Amino acid sequence: MQIASSPWQALPPHRDFAAPAPRASQPSRTRPPATHNSETFLNTPPRQNLLLRALPDADWQRWQPLLEWVDMPLGQVLYDSGREHSHVYFPTSAIVSLHYLLENGSTAEFAVVGAEGVVGVSLFMGGGSTPSRAVVQSAGQGWRLRASVIQEEFERSKTVLQLLLRYTQALITQTAQKAVCNRHHSLDQQLCRFLLVSLDRLQGDDLMLTQELIANMLGVRREGVTEAALKLQRQGVISYARGRITVLNRCALEQRSCECYAVVKREYRRLLPEALFC
């Protein structure tokens, strides 16, 4: 299977797809949305992330003043290959792609993280850095916690340790299942899985994704994605126009996907029942 070139180099000029920074940089820290009063700021927005929602009250009260609200624009590099991570990130409305970048500029995604999880597991697993890269795939916002804090909390609280370890196991399942999917399932099935995974991590039925970006995330040729997307559109499952995909029939999309989507989703629900993933 041919691996496409880097998606961030391939994106066409489009107001919804800004080019990324050439190296890892920190998302800008911002105030919470003006619509939130102080009580809402302390209690509601962070817990839009399901891992934060699953924290016991005692741990949550300790974490609250340490969390920083950040914008996560499309293409933002949260961490880069081989570089020490400074923070972990808890997306609320953004989706982050975890992928490997080869010397020739080619890329292959192995997992995605949204409001169900955390970006930067190597910090509490003891690695500090990884050979992979984390890039914002769908713009949004989230929360971050300093590396030193998450490491202290991992060692301090048994409940935090168990929660983060179970999440890491679920993430490993996603990575392993995606490798199997890329090897054994058709592009049509992979596209359906990709759309469902993205849809689970966003509100609504619209996805701001170009076919070029999808091709790079799947590691396939753009022409193959175009053909598969047109087939879904003719069948009334999706509509596609100007970088926006609208899912018209989710049930039909699930029926056309391979078993990989359901396997990973069941594992998240089994390991993180308190988070109520999707």
Foldseek 3Di string as FASTA:
>chain_A
DFFDFALLVPDDDDPQRDRADPFADAFDFDDPDPVDDPVCLQPPDQVLQLLLVLDPPVVNVVCRVQKTKGWAGAFHWQHAAPDFHFKKWQANAWKKFKWAADPVRTIETQFMDASHDMPDLCLQVVNRGHRIIIGTHGTDITIIGTSVVLNCCCVPDPVSVLSSVLVVVLRVLSRVLLVVCLVPHDPLQVVLLVQVVVPLRHPAFKDQADLSSVCRHSRHDSVRSVVSVVVCVVVVQWDDDDRMIGGRNNVVSVVRHDCSNVVSVVSSCVSCVSSVRD
